[in-house]
N, C-alpha and C. Protein backbone atom coordinates (compact mmCIF):
# COMPACT_ATOMS: atom_id res chain seq x y z
N MET A 1 10.86 120.83 68.12
CA MET A 1 10.36 120.06 66.99
C MET A 1 11.20 118.80 66.80
N HIS A 2 10.54 117.70 66.55
CA HIS A 2 11.20 116.41 66.45
C HIS A 2 10.76 115.73 65.16
N ILE A 3 11.71 115.56 64.24
CA ILE A 3 11.46 114.85 62.98
C ILE A 3 12.19 113.52 63.02
N ALA A 4 11.47 112.42 62.79
CA ALA A 4 12.07 111.10 62.73
C ALA A 4 12.04 110.59 61.30
N ILE A 5 13.17 110.12 60.82
CA ILE A 5 13.28 109.62 59.45
C ILE A 5 13.31 108.10 59.48
N VAL A 6 12.38 107.49 58.76
CA VAL A 6 12.26 106.03 58.76
C VAL A 6 12.36 105.50 57.34
N GLY A 7 12.71 104.22 57.24
CA GLY A 7 12.82 103.60 55.93
C GLY A 7 13.74 102.40 55.98
N ASN A 8 13.73 101.64 54.92
CA ASN A 8 14.46 100.39 54.84
C ASN A 8 15.97 100.62 54.87
N ILE A 9 16.71 99.53 55.01
CA ILE A 9 18.18 99.58 54.96
C ILE A 9 18.59 100.11 53.59
N GLY A 10 19.40 101.15 53.58
CA GLY A 10 19.87 101.70 52.31
C GLY A 10 18.98 102.77 51.71
N ALA A 11 17.93 103.18 52.41
CA ALA A 11 17.01 104.18 51.86
C ALA A 11 17.60 105.59 51.87
N GLY A 12 18.65 105.80 52.66
CA GLY A 12 19.28 107.12 52.70
C GLY A 12 18.95 107.93 53.94
N LYS A 13 18.56 107.24 55.01
CA LYS A 13 18.13 107.93 56.23
C LYS A 13 19.25 108.72 56.89
N THR A 14 20.42 108.09 57.05
CA THR A 14 21.52 108.75 57.76
C THR A 14 22.01 109.97 57.00
N THR A 15 22.16 109.84 55.70
CA THR A 15 22.60 110.96 54.88
C THR A 15 21.63 112.12 54.98
N LEU A 16 20.34 111.82 54.85
CA LEU A 16 19.34 112.88 54.92
C LEU A 16 19.27 113.47 56.33
N SER A 17 19.41 112.64 57.35
CA SER A 17 19.39 113.14 58.73
C SER A 17 20.48 114.18 58.94
N ASN A 18 21.67 113.87 58.49
CA ASN A 18 22.78 114.81 58.66
C ASN A 18 22.56 116.10 57.87
N LYS A 19 22.04 115.98 56.67
CA LYS A 19 21.82 117.17 55.84
C LYS A 19 20.70 118.05 56.41
N LEU A 20 19.65 117.44 56.91
CA LEU A 20 18.56 118.22 57.51
C LEU A 20 19.01 118.87 58.81
N ALA A 21 19.79 118.15 59.60
CA ALA A 21 20.30 118.72 60.85
C ALA A 21 21.16 119.94 60.56
N HIS A 22 21.96 119.86 59.50
CA HIS A 22 22.79 121.00 59.11
C HIS A 22 21.93 122.16 58.61
N HIS A 23 20.92 121.84 57.81
CA HIS A 23 20.06 122.89 57.25
C HIS A 23 19.29 123.63 58.33
N PHE A 24 18.67 122.89 59.24
CA PHE A 24 17.83 123.50 60.28
C PHE A 24 18.64 123.92 61.52
N ASN A 25 19.91 123.51 61.55
CA ASN A 25 20.74 123.73 62.73
C ASN A 25 20.13 123.06 63.96
N TRP A 26 19.75 121.80 63.78
CA TRP A 26 19.16 121.00 64.84
C TRP A 26 20.12 119.90 65.26
N GLU A 27 19.82 119.28 66.40
CA GLU A 27 20.60 118.13 66.86
C GLU A 27 20.21 116.89 66.05
N VAL A 28 21.20 116.03 65.80
CA VAL A 28 20.92 114.80 65.05
C VAL A 28 21.23 113.59 65.93
N PHE A 29 20.32 112.62 65.91
CA PHE A 29 20.50 111.36 66.62
C PHE A 29 20.54 110.24 65.58
N LEU A 30 21.69 109.59 65.45
CA LEU A 30 21.87 108.58 64.43
C LEU A 30 21.72 107.17 65.02
N GLU A 31 21.44 106.23 64.14
CA GLU A 31 21.32 104.84 64.56
C GLU A 31 22.69 104.30 64.93
N ASP A 32 22.74 103.50 65.99
CA ASP A 32 23.99 102.93 66.47
C ASP A 32 24.28 101.64 65.70
N VAL A 33 25.04 101.77 64.61
CA VAL A 33 25.39 100.57 63.84
C VAL A 33 26.87 100.24 63.93
N ASP A 34 27.72 101.26 63.90
CA ASP A 34 29.17 101.01 63.90
C ASP A 34 29.64 100.32 65.17
N ASP A 35 29.01 100.62 66.30
CA ASP A 35 29.42 100.04 67.58
C ASP A 35 28.54 98.88 68.02
N ASN A 36 27.66 98.44 67.14
CA ASN A 36 26.75 97.35 67.50
C ASN A 36 27.51 96.02 67.51
N PRO A 37 27.60 95.35 68.65
CA PRO A 37 28.41 94.12 68.73
C PRO A 37 27.75 92.89 68.11
N TYR A 38 26.49 93.01 67.68
CA TYR A 38 25.76 91.85 67.16
C TYR A 38 25.51 91.89 65.66
N LEU A 39 25.70 93.04 65.04
CA LEU A 39 25.23 93.22 63.68
C LEU A 39 25.91 92.28 62.68
N LYS A 40 27.23 92.18 62.72
CA LYS A 40 27.93 91.30 61.80
C LYS A 40 27.52 89.84 62.01
N ASP A 41 27.48 89.42 63.28
CA ASP A 41 27.07 88.04 63.57
C ASP A 41 25.65 87.77 63.08
N PHE A 42 24.76 88.77 63.20
CA PHE A 42 23.38 88.60 62.77
C PHE A 42 23.30 88.32 61.27
N TYR A 43 24.02 89.10 60.47
CA TYR A 43 23.95 88.89 59.02
C TYR A 43 24.61 87.58 58.61
N ASP A 44 25.52 87.06 59.44
CA ASP A 44 26.13 85.75 59.16
C ASP A 44 25.21 84.60 59.55
N ASP A 45 24.42 84.80 60.63
CA ASP A 45 23.56 83.73 61.14
C ASP A 45 22.35 84.36 61.82
N MET A 46 21.34 84.68 61.04
CA MET A 46 20.18 85.43 61.55
C MET A 46 19.42 84.69 62.66
N PRO A 47 19.09 83.41 62.51
CA PRO A 47 18.34 82.76 63.58
C PRO A 47 19.09 82.75 64.92
N ARG A 48 20.40 82.60 64.86
CA ARG A 48 21.20 82.52 66.09
C ARG A 48 21.21 83.85 66.85
N TRP A 49 21.24 84.97 66.12
CA TRP A 49 21.49 86.26 66.76
C TRP A 49 20.31 87.23 66.67
N ALA A 50 19.18 86.82 66.13
CA ALA A 50 18.06 87.73 65.93
C ALA A 50 17.59 88.38 67.23
N PHE A 51 17.35 87.57 68.25
CA PHE A 51 16.83 88.11 69.51
C PHE A 51 17.85 89.04 70.16
N HIS A 52 19.11 88.64 70.18
CA HIS A 52 20.16 89.46 70.78
C HIS A 52 20.25 90.82 70.10
N LEU A 53 20.21 90.81 68.76
CA LEU A 53 20.31 92.05 68.01
C LEU A 53 19.14 92.97 68.31
N GLN A 54 17.93 92.41 68.31
CA GLN A 54 16.74 93.23 68.50
C GLN A 54 16.68 93.82 69.92
N VAL A 55 17.10 93.07 70.90
CA VAL A 55 17.13 93.60 72.27
C VAL A 55 18.16 94.70 72.38
N TYR A 56 19.31 94.52 71.73
CA TYR A 56 20.33 95.57 71.74
C TYR A 56 19.78 96.86 71.13
N PHE A 57 19.16 96.74 69.94
CA PHE A 57 18.60 97.91 69.28
C PHE A 57 17.50 98.54 70.13
N LEU A 58 16.65 97.72 70.71
CA LEU A 58 15.54 98.24 71.52
C LEU A 58 16.07 99.06 72.69
N ASN A 59 17.05 98.52 73.39
CA ASN A 59 17.62 99.22 74.54
C ASN A 59 18.31 100.51 74.10
N SER A 60 19.07 100.41 73.00
CA SER A 60 19.77 101.59 72.49
C SER A 60 18.79 102.68 72.06
N ARG A 61 17.73 102.27 71.38
CA ARG A 61 16.74 103.24 70.89
C ARG A 61 15.95 103.85 72.06
N PHE A 62 15.66 103.06 73.08
CA PHE A 62 14.94 103.60 74.23
C PHE A 62 15.78 104.66 74.95
N ARG A 63 17.05 104.37 75.14
CA ARG A 63 17.94 105.36 75.76
C ARG A 63 17.97 106.64 74.93
N GLN A 64 17.97 106.47 73.61
CA GLN A 64 17.98 107.63 72.72
C GLN A 64 16.71 108.46 72.87
N THR A 65 15.56 107.79 72.98
CA THR A 65 14.29 108.52 73.13
C THR A 65 14.28 109.34 74.42
N GLN A 66 14.90 108.83 75.45
CA GLN A 66 14.95 109.57 76.71
C GLN A 66 15.88 110.78 76.61
N GLN A 67 16.95 110.64 75.85
CA GLN A 67 17.83 111.79 75.60
C GLN A 67 17.10 112.86 74.79
N ILE A 68 16.33 112.39 73.81
CA ILE A 68 15.56 113.32 72.98
C ILE A 68 14.55 114.08 73.83
N LYS A 69 13.89 113.36 74.74
CA LYS A 69 12.88 113.99 75.59
C LYS A 69 13.51 115.10 76.44
N LYS A 70 14.68 114.85 76.98
CA LYS A 70 15.37 115.87 77.78
C LYS A 70 15.77 117.07 76.91
N LEU A 71 16.24 116.78 75.71
CA LEU A 71 16.68 117.86 74.82
C LEU A 71 15.51 118.72 74.37
N GLN A 72 14.34 118.10 74.19
CA GLN A 72 13.16 118.86 73.78
C GLN A 72 12.77 119.92 74.82
N GLN A 73 13.11 119.68 76.07
CA GLN A 73 12.79 120.65 77.11
C GLN A 73 13.58 121.94 76.95
N THR A 74 14.64 121.90 76.15
CA THR A 74 15.44 123.10 75.88
C THR A 74 14.99 123.78 74.60
N ASN A 75 13.91 123.26 73.98
CA ASN A 75 13.36 123.80 72.72
C ASN A 75 14.32 123.66 71.55
N LYS A 76 15.21 122.68 71.62
CA LYS A 76 16.11 122.40 70.51
C LYS A 76 15.46 121.45 69.53
N GLY A 77 15.56 121.75 68.22
CA GLY A 77 15.02 120.86 67.21
C GLY A 77 15.85 119.59 67.08
N ILE A 78 15.19 118.49 66.68
CA ILE A 78 15.84 117.18 66.65
C ILE A 78 15.52 116.46 65.36
N ILE A 79 16.56 115.88 64.76
CA ILE A 79 16.40 114.96 63.64
C ILE A 79 16.85 113.58 64.12
N GLN A 80 15.98 112.58 63.97
CA GLN A 80 16.28 111.23 64.45
C GLN A 80 16.32 110.25 63.28
N ASP A 81 17.37 109.47 63.23
CA ASP A 81 17.55 108.44 62.21
C ASP A 81 17.01 107.12 62.76
N ARG A 82 15.82 106.72 62.30
CA ARG A 82 15.09 105.51 62.68
C ARG A 82 14.53 105.62 64.09
N THR A 83 13.44 104.90 64.33
CA THR A 83 12.68 105.03 65.58
C THR A 83 12.54 103.69 66.29
N ILE A 84 12.11 103.77 67.54
CA ILE A 84 11.87 102.56 68.32
C ILE A 84 10.67 101.78 67.77
N TYR A 85 9.75 102.48 67.10
CA TYR A 85 8.59 101.81 66.51
C TYR A 85 9.01 100.78 65.46
N GLU A 86 10.01 101.14 64.67
CA GLU A 86 10.47 100.23 63.62
C GLU A 86 11.06 98.95 64.17
N ASP A 87 11.71 99.07 65.33
CA ASP A 87 12.28 97.88 65.95
C ASP A 87 11.23 96.79 66.10
N ALA A 88 10.05 97.18 66.58
CA ALA A 88 9.00 96.20 66.83
C ALA A 88 8.16 95.90 65.60
N HIS A 89 7.64 96.97 64.96
CA HIS A 89 6.66 96.80 63.88
C HIS A 89 7.28 96.32 62.57
N ILE A 90 8.58 96.54 62.39
CA ILE A 90 9.23 96.15 61.14
C ILE A 90 10.17 94.98 61.36
N PHE A 91 11.23 95.21 62.11
CA PHE A 91 12.32 94.24 62.16
C PHE A 91 12.00 93.01 63.00
N ALA A 92 11.52 93.19 64.21
CA ALA A 92 11.17 92.03 65.03
C ALA A 92 10.01 91.26 64.43
N ALA A 93 9.01 91.99 63.92
CA ALA A 93 7.85 91.33 63.29
C ALA A 93 8.28 90.51 62.09
N ASN A 94 9.18 91.07 61.29
CA ASN A 94 9.66 90.36 60.10
C ASN A 94 10.44 89.11 60.50
N LEU A 95 11.30 89.24 61.50
CA LEU A 95 12.08 88.07 61.95
C LEU A 95 11.17 86.97 62.46
N SER A 96 10.12 87.35 63.17
CA SER A 96 9.17 86.36 63.69
C SER A 96 8.42 85.68 62.56
N GLN A 97 7.87 86.48 61.65
CA GLN A 97 7.07 85.91 60.56
C GLN A 97 7.92 85.10 59.59
N SER A 98 9.20 85.41 59.50
CA SER A 98 10.09 84.67 58.61
C SER A 98 10.67 83.42 59.27
N GLY A 99 10.34 83.19 60.54
CA GLY A 99 10.85 82.05 61.25
C GLY A 99 12.29 82.19 61.71
N LEU A 100 12.79 83.42 61.70
CA LEU A 100 14.17 83.67 62.11
C LEU A 100 14.28 84.01 63.59
N MET A 101 13.13 84.24 64.25
CA MET A 101 13.08 84.44 65.69
C MET A 101 12.00 83.53 66.24
N THR A 102 12.31 82.78 67.28
CA THR A 102 11.33 81.86 67.85
C THR A 102 10.17 82.63 68.46
N GLU A 103 9.03 81.97 68.57
CA GLU A 103 7.86 82.60 69.16
C GLU A 103 8.13 82.99 70.62
N ARG A 104 8.85 82.17 71.35
CA ARG A 104 9.20 82.48 72.73
C ARG A 104 10.02 83.77 72.81
N ASP A 105 11.03 83.89 71.96
CA ASP A 105 11.86 85.09 71.96
C ASP A 105 11.06 86.31 71.50
N TYR A 106 10.20 86.11 70.52
CA TYR A 106 9.40 87.23 70.01
C TYR A 106 8.46 87.77 71.08
N GLN A 107 7.79 86.88 71.80
CA GLN A 107 6.88 87.33 72.86
C GLN A 107 7.65 88.01 73.99
N ASN A 108 8.82 87.52 74.30
CA ASN A 108 9.69 88.15 75.29
C ASN A 108 10.06 89.55 74.83
N TYR A 109 10.43 89.66 73.57
CA TYR A 109 10.80 90.96 73.00
C TYR A 109 9.61 91.93 73.05
N LEU A 110 8.43 91.46 72.65
CA LEU A 110 7.25 92.33 72.65
C LEU A 110 6.92 92.81 74.06
N GLY A 111 7.15 91.95 75.05
CA GLY A 111 6.91 92.37 76.43
C GLY A 111 7.81 93.53 76.82
N LEU A 112 9.08 93.46 76.42
CA LEU A 112 10.01 94.56 76.68
C LEU A 112 9.57 95.82 75.95
N PHE A 113 9.22 95.67 74.68
CA PHE A 113 8.80 96.81 73.88
C PHE A 113 7.58 97.49 74.47
N ASN A 114 6.58 96.72 74.84
CA ASN A 114 5.34 97.29 75.38
C ASN A 114 5.56 97.97 76.72
N SER A 115 6.52 97.49 77.50
CA SER A 115 6.84 98.15 78.77
C SER A 115 7.50 99.51 78.52
N MET A 116 8.26 99.61 77.44
CA MET A 116 9.01 100.83 77.17
C MET A 116 8.18 101.89 76.44
N ILE A 117 7.30 101.45 75.56
CA ILE A 117 6.67 102.38 74.62
C ILE A 117 5.77 103.39 75.31
N SER A 118 5.26 103.07 76.49
CA SER A 118 4.41 104.01 77.22
C SER A 118 5.19 105.23 77.69
N MET A 119 6.51 105.12 77.70
CA MET A 119 7.36 106.23 78.13
C MET A 119 8.01 106.96 76.96
N VAL A 120 7.51 106.68 75.75
CA VAL A 120 8.08 107.27 74.54
C VAL A 120 7.08 108.24 73.91
N ASP A 121 7.53 109.44 73.59
CA ASP A 121 6.69 110.41 72.88
C ASP A 121 6.91 110.28 71.37
N PRO A 122 5.85 110.24 70.58
CA PRO A 122 6.02 110.15 69.13
C PRO A 122 6.61 111.43 68.56
N PRO A 123 7.23 111.36 67.39
CA PRO A 123 7.80 112.55 66.77
C PRO A 123 6.70 113.49 66.27
N ASP A 124 7.06 114.76 66.08
CA ASP A 124 6.12 115.71 65.49
C ASP A 124 5.86 115.38 64.03
N LEU A 125 6.88 114.82 63.37
CA LEU A 125 6.74 114.42 61.98
C LEU A 125 7.49 113.12 61.74
N LEU A 126 6.81 112.16 61.16
CA LEU A 126 7.45 110.92 60.72
C LEU A 126 7.67 111.04 59.21
N LEU A 127 8.91 111.01 58.80
CA LEU A 127 9.28 111.14 57.38
C LEU A 127 9.71 109.78 56.86
N TYR A 128 8.89 109.18 56.02
CA TYR A 128 9.14 107.85 55.48
C TYR A 128 9.78 107.96 54.11
N LEU A 129 10.98 107.38 53.98
CA LEU A 129 11.68 107.34 52.70
C LEU A 129 11.32 106.05 51.98
N ARG A 130 10.52 106.18 50.94
CA ARG A 130 10.07 105.00 50.19
C ARG A 130 11.08 104.72 49.07
N ALA A 131 11.62 103.50 49.05
CA ALA A 131 12.62 103.13 48.05
C ALA A 131 12.37 101.71 47.57
N ASP A 132 12.48 101.49 46.26
CA ASP A 132 12.35 100.16 45.69
C ASP A 132 13.66 99.39 45.86
N LEU A 133 13.60 98.08 45.64
CA LEU A 133 14.76 97.22 45.87
C LEU A 133 16.00 97.64 45.09
N PRO A 134 15.91 97.98 43.79
CA PRO A 134 17.13 98.38 43.08
C PRO A 134 17.83 99.58 43.72
N LYS A 135 17.06 100.54 44.20
CA LYS A 135 17.63 101.71 44.87
C LYS A 135 18.31 101.29 46.16
N LEU A 136 17.68 100.44 46.93
CA LEU A 136 18.26 99.98 48.20
C LEU A 136 19.58 99.25 47.96
N VAL A 137 19.56 98.33 47.01
CA VAL A 137 20.77 97.54 46.72
C VAL A 137 21.90 98.44 46.23
N GLN A 138 21.57 99.38 45.36
CA GLN A 138 22.58 100.31 44.84
C GLN A 138 23.25 101.08 45.97
N GLN A 139 22.45 101.57 46.90
CA GLN A 139 23.01 102.40 47.96
C GLN A 139 23.74 101.57 49.02
N ILE A 140 23.27 100.35 49.25
CA ILE A 140 23.98 99.46 50.17
C ILE A 140 25.36 99.12 49.61
N GLU A 141 25.41 98.82 48.31
CA GLU A 141 26.69 98.51 47.67
C GLU A 141 27.61 99.72 47.66
N ARG A 142 27.04 100.91 47.46
CA ARG A 142 27.84 102.12 47.37
C ARG A 142 28.53 102.45 48.68
N ARG A 143 27.84 102.22 49.81
CA ARG A 143 28.47 102.59 51.08
C ARG A 143 29.45 101.55 51.59
N GLY A 144 29.38 100.32 51.06
CA GLY A 144 30.45 99.35 51.26
C GLY A 144 30.68 98.86 52.67
N ARG A 145 29.62 98.69 53.45
CA ARG A 145 29.79 98.09 54.78
C ARG A 145 29.92 96.58 54.62
N GLY A 146 31.04 96.03 55.05
CA GLY A 146 31.32 94.63 54.82
C GLY A 146 30.27 93.69 55.35
N TYR A 147 29.74 93.98 56.54
CA TYR A 147 28.78 93.07 57.16
C TYR A 147 27.44 93.05 56.43
N GLU A 148 27.22 94.02 55.52
CA GLU A 148 25.96 94.05 54.78
C GLU A 148 26.01 93.21 53.50
N ASN A 149 27.18 92.63 53.21
CA ASN A 149 27.31 91.83 51.99
C ASN A 149 26.41 90.60 51.99
N ASN A 150 26.04 90.14 53.18
CA ASN A 150 25.22 88.93 53.28
C ASN A 150 23.73 89.21 53.33
N ILE A 151 23.33 90.47 53.19
CA ILE A 151 21.90 90.78 53.18
C ILE A 151 21.25 90.20 51.93
N LYS A 152 20.20 89.45 52.10
CA LYS A 152 19.51 88.83 50.97
C LYS A 152 18.40 89.75 50.45
N ILE A 153 18.15 89.65 49.15
CA ILE A 153 17.12 90.46 48.51
C ILE A 153 15.76 90.20 49.15
N ASP A 154 15.48 88.95 49.45
CA ASP A 154 14.19 88.61 50.06
C ASP A 154 14.02 89.30 51.41
N TYR A 155 15.10 89.43 52.15
CA TYR A 155 15.05 90.10 53.45
C TYR A 155 14.65 91.56 53.26
N LEU A 156 15.28 92.24 52.31
CA LEU A 156 14.93 93.64 52.02
C LEU A 156 13.49 93.75 51.52
N LYS A 157 13.09 92.80 50.69
CA LYS A 157 11.73 92.81 50.14
C LYS A 157 10.69 92.69 51.26
N HIS A 158 10.92 91.78 52.19
CA HIS A 158 9.98 91.59 53.29
C HIS A 158 9.95 92.82 54.20
N LEU A 159 11.10 93.44 54.40
CA LEU A 159 11.13 94.66 55.21
C LEU A 159 10.31 95.76 54.54
N ASN A 160 10.45 95.90 53.23
CA ASN A 160 9.66 96.90 52.51
C ASN A 160 8.17 96.66 52.69
N GLU A 161 7.77 95.40 52.64
CA GLU A 161 6.35 95.07 52.81
C GLU A 161 5.87 95.45 54.21
N HIS A 162 6.69 95.19 55.20
CA HIS A 162 6.32 95.57 56.57
C HIS A 162 6.25 97.08 56.73
N TYR A 163 7.17 97.80 56.09
CA TYR A 163 7.13 99.26 56.15
C TYR A 163 5.84 99.80 55.56
N GLU A 164 5.47 99.29 54.40
CA GLU A 164 4.26 99.78 53.74
C GLU A 164 3.02 99.50 54.59
N GLU A 165 2.99 98.33 55.21
CA GLU A 165 1.84 97.98 56.06
C GLU A 165 1.78 98.89 57.28
N TRP A 166 2.93 99.13 57.90
CA TRP A 166 2.97 99.99 59.10
C TRP A 166 2.61 101.42 58.76
N ILE A 167 3.19 101.94 57.69
CA ILE A 167 2.94 103.33 57.31
C ILE A 167 1.47 103.55 56.96
N SER A 168 0.84 102.56 56.35
CA SER A 168 -0.56 102.70 55.93
C SER A 168 -1.50 102.90 57.11
N SER A 169 -1.07 102.49 58.30
CA SER A 169 -1.94 102.61 59.48
C SER A 169 -1.34 103.53 60.55
N TYR A 170 -0.27 104.25 60.21
CA TYR A 170 0.39 105.10 61.20
C TYR A 170 -0.54 106.25 61.59
N SER A 171 -0.70 106.45 62.90
CA SER A 171 -1.62 107.49 63.38
C SER A 171 -1.08 108.23 64.61
N GLN A 172 0.24 108.14 64.82
CA GLN A 172 0.84 108.76 66.00
C GLN A 172 1.05 110.27 65.84
N GLY A 173 0.98 110.75 64.62
CA GLY A 173 1.23 112.17 64.36
C GLY A 173 1.31 112.43 62.87
N LYS A 174 1.90 113.56 62.51
CA LYS A 174 2.00 113.92 61.10
C LYS A 174 2.93 112.96 60.37
N LEU A 175 2.57 112.68 59.12
CA LEU A 175 3.32 111.73 58.30
C LEU A 175 3.61 112.35 56.94
N LEU A 176 4.85 112.21 56.50
CA LEU A 176 5.26 112.65 55.17
C LEU A 176 5.96 111.49 54.48
N ILE A 177 5.46 111.12 53.31
CA ILE A 177 6.07 110.05 52.51
C ILE A 177 6.81 110.68 51.34
N VAL A 178 8.10 110.35 51.21
CA VAL A 178 8.91 110.87 50.12
C VAL A 178 9.47 109.69 49.34
N ASP A 179 9.14 109.62 48.05
CA ASP A 179 9.69 108.60 47.17
C ASP A 179 11.10 109.03 46.77
N VAL A 180 12.10 108.25 47.17
CA VAL A 180 13.50 108.64 46.95
C VAL A 180 14.14 107.89 45.77
N ASN A 181 13.34 107.14 45.04
CA ASN A 181 13.91 106.35 43.95
C ASN A 181 14.64 107.19 42.91
N ASN A 182 14.14 108.39 42.67
CA ASN A 182 14.75 109.26 41.66
C ASN A 182 15.37 110.51 42.27
N LEU A 183 15.63 110.46 43.58
CA LEU A 183 16.26 111.60 44.25
C LEU A 183 17.71 111.27 44.59
N ASP A 184 18.56 112.27 44.50
CA ASP A 184 19.97 112.15 44.89
C ASP A 184 20.35 113.41 45.64
N TYR A 185 20.00 113.45 46.94
CA TYR A 185 20.25 114.68 47.69
C TYR A 185 21.70 114.79 48.16
N VAL A 186 22.54 113.82 47.76
CA VAL A 186 23.97 113.94 48.02
C VAL A 186 24.62 114.84 46.98
N ASN A 187 24.28 114.59 45.73
CA ASN A 187 24.94 115.30 44.63
C ASN A 187 24.09 116.41 44.01
N ASN A 188 22.78 116.40 44.28
CA ASN A 188 21.90 117.41 43.68
C ASN A 188 21.22 118.24 44.77
N PRO A 189 21.69 119.46 44.99
CA PRO A 189 21.07 120.33 46.01
C PRO A 189 19.58 120.55 45.74
N GLU A 190 19.18 120.50 44.47
CA GLU A 190 17.77 120.70 44.16
C GLU A 190 16.90 119.61 44.76
N ASP A 191 17.44 118.38 44.78
CA ASP A 191 16.68 117.27 45.36
C ASP A 191 16.52 117.44 46.86
N LEU A 192 17.56 117.93 47.51
CA LEU A 192 17.46 118.21 48.95
C LEU A 192 16.43 119.30 49.20
N SER A 193 16.42 120.31 48.35
CA SER A 193 15.45 121.40 48.50
C SER A 193 14.02 120.90 48.37
N ILE A 194 13.80 119.91 47.50
CA ILE A 194 12.47 119.33 47.34
C ILE A 194 12.00 118.72 48.66
N VAL A 195 12.88 117.98 49.31
CA VAL A 195 12.53 117.34 50.58
C VAL A 195 12.28 118.40 51.66
N ILE A 196 13.13 119.40 51.72
CA ILE A 196 12.98 120.46 52.72
C ILE A 196 11.67 121.21 52.52
N ASP A 197 11.32 121.49 51.27
CA ASP A 197 10.06 122.16 50.99
C ASP A 197 8.86 121.33 51.45
N LYS A 198 8.95 120.02 51.23
CA LYS A 198 7.86 119.13 51.66
C LYS A 198 7.73 119.12 53.18
N ILE A 199 8.86 119.13 53.86
CA ILE A 199 8.85 119.16 55.33
C ILE A 199 8.22 120.45 55.83
N ASN A 200 8.66 121.57 55.29
CA ASN A 200 8.11 122.87 55.71
C ASN A 200 6.62 122.95 55.45
N SER A 201 6.20 122.41 54.32
CA SER A 201 4.78 122.44 53.97
C SER A 201 3.96 121.60 54.94
N THR A 202 4.47 120.41 55.27
CA THR A 202 3.74 119.51 56.16
C THR A 202 3.70 120.01 57.59
N LEU A 203 4.82 120.53 58.07
CA LEU A 203 4.89 120.97 59.46
C LEU A 203 4.33 122.37 59.71
N PHE A 204 4.65 123.27 58.77
CA PHE A 204 4.35 124.67 59.03
C PHE A 204 3.40 125.30 58.01
N GLY A 205 3.02 124.54 56.98
CA GLY A 205 2.16 125.11 55.96
C GLY A 205 2.88 126.10 55.05
N LEU A 206 4.22 125.95 54.97
CA LEU A 206 5.03 126.86 54.15
C LEU A 206 5.32 126.23 52.80
N PHE A 207 5.32 127.06 51.77
CA PHE A 207 5.59 126.56 50.43
C PHE A 207 6.74 127.33 49.82
């Protein structure tokens, strides 16, 4: 079983991924941010580093999908923090539409993405964490990553819009939308139980 958790920056994907992996005793695959050599430069100068960052993420995410595919052959459950789909449908698309990535670079990026995606299996469940801007900003500030200090509200707003558009037409498999604006699964075990119950209901019909 493969559950992928998607959502905007600061929605709580990594925290929930770790907690679900612990609960189900499954393997967890986290997004590569701490070792990303482009992330800080990107937030300092988005037009300069947009293409480099997206290609790095695309390559990293593709390698991760291949690891997941091998692990699935052992019947091990998997929790994944963010997907390769978001790289193209959310982040690259937003950079292109915002004028932060040139059309030449965007088309080059899409060519790479389309070559890779045929070798990617969709998750059994896509879990979308829906969060409004105040929640995102609060959680970004709370975790205190220095390179995220330059993230602009408009950037988060546009990402949210792209997420909603993508989710509204998602048809790769089962989809679960969880509004996390009033959830705190770090400090309230009951909130985590709510999410777990929703997952069990969607995947297995359990209540």
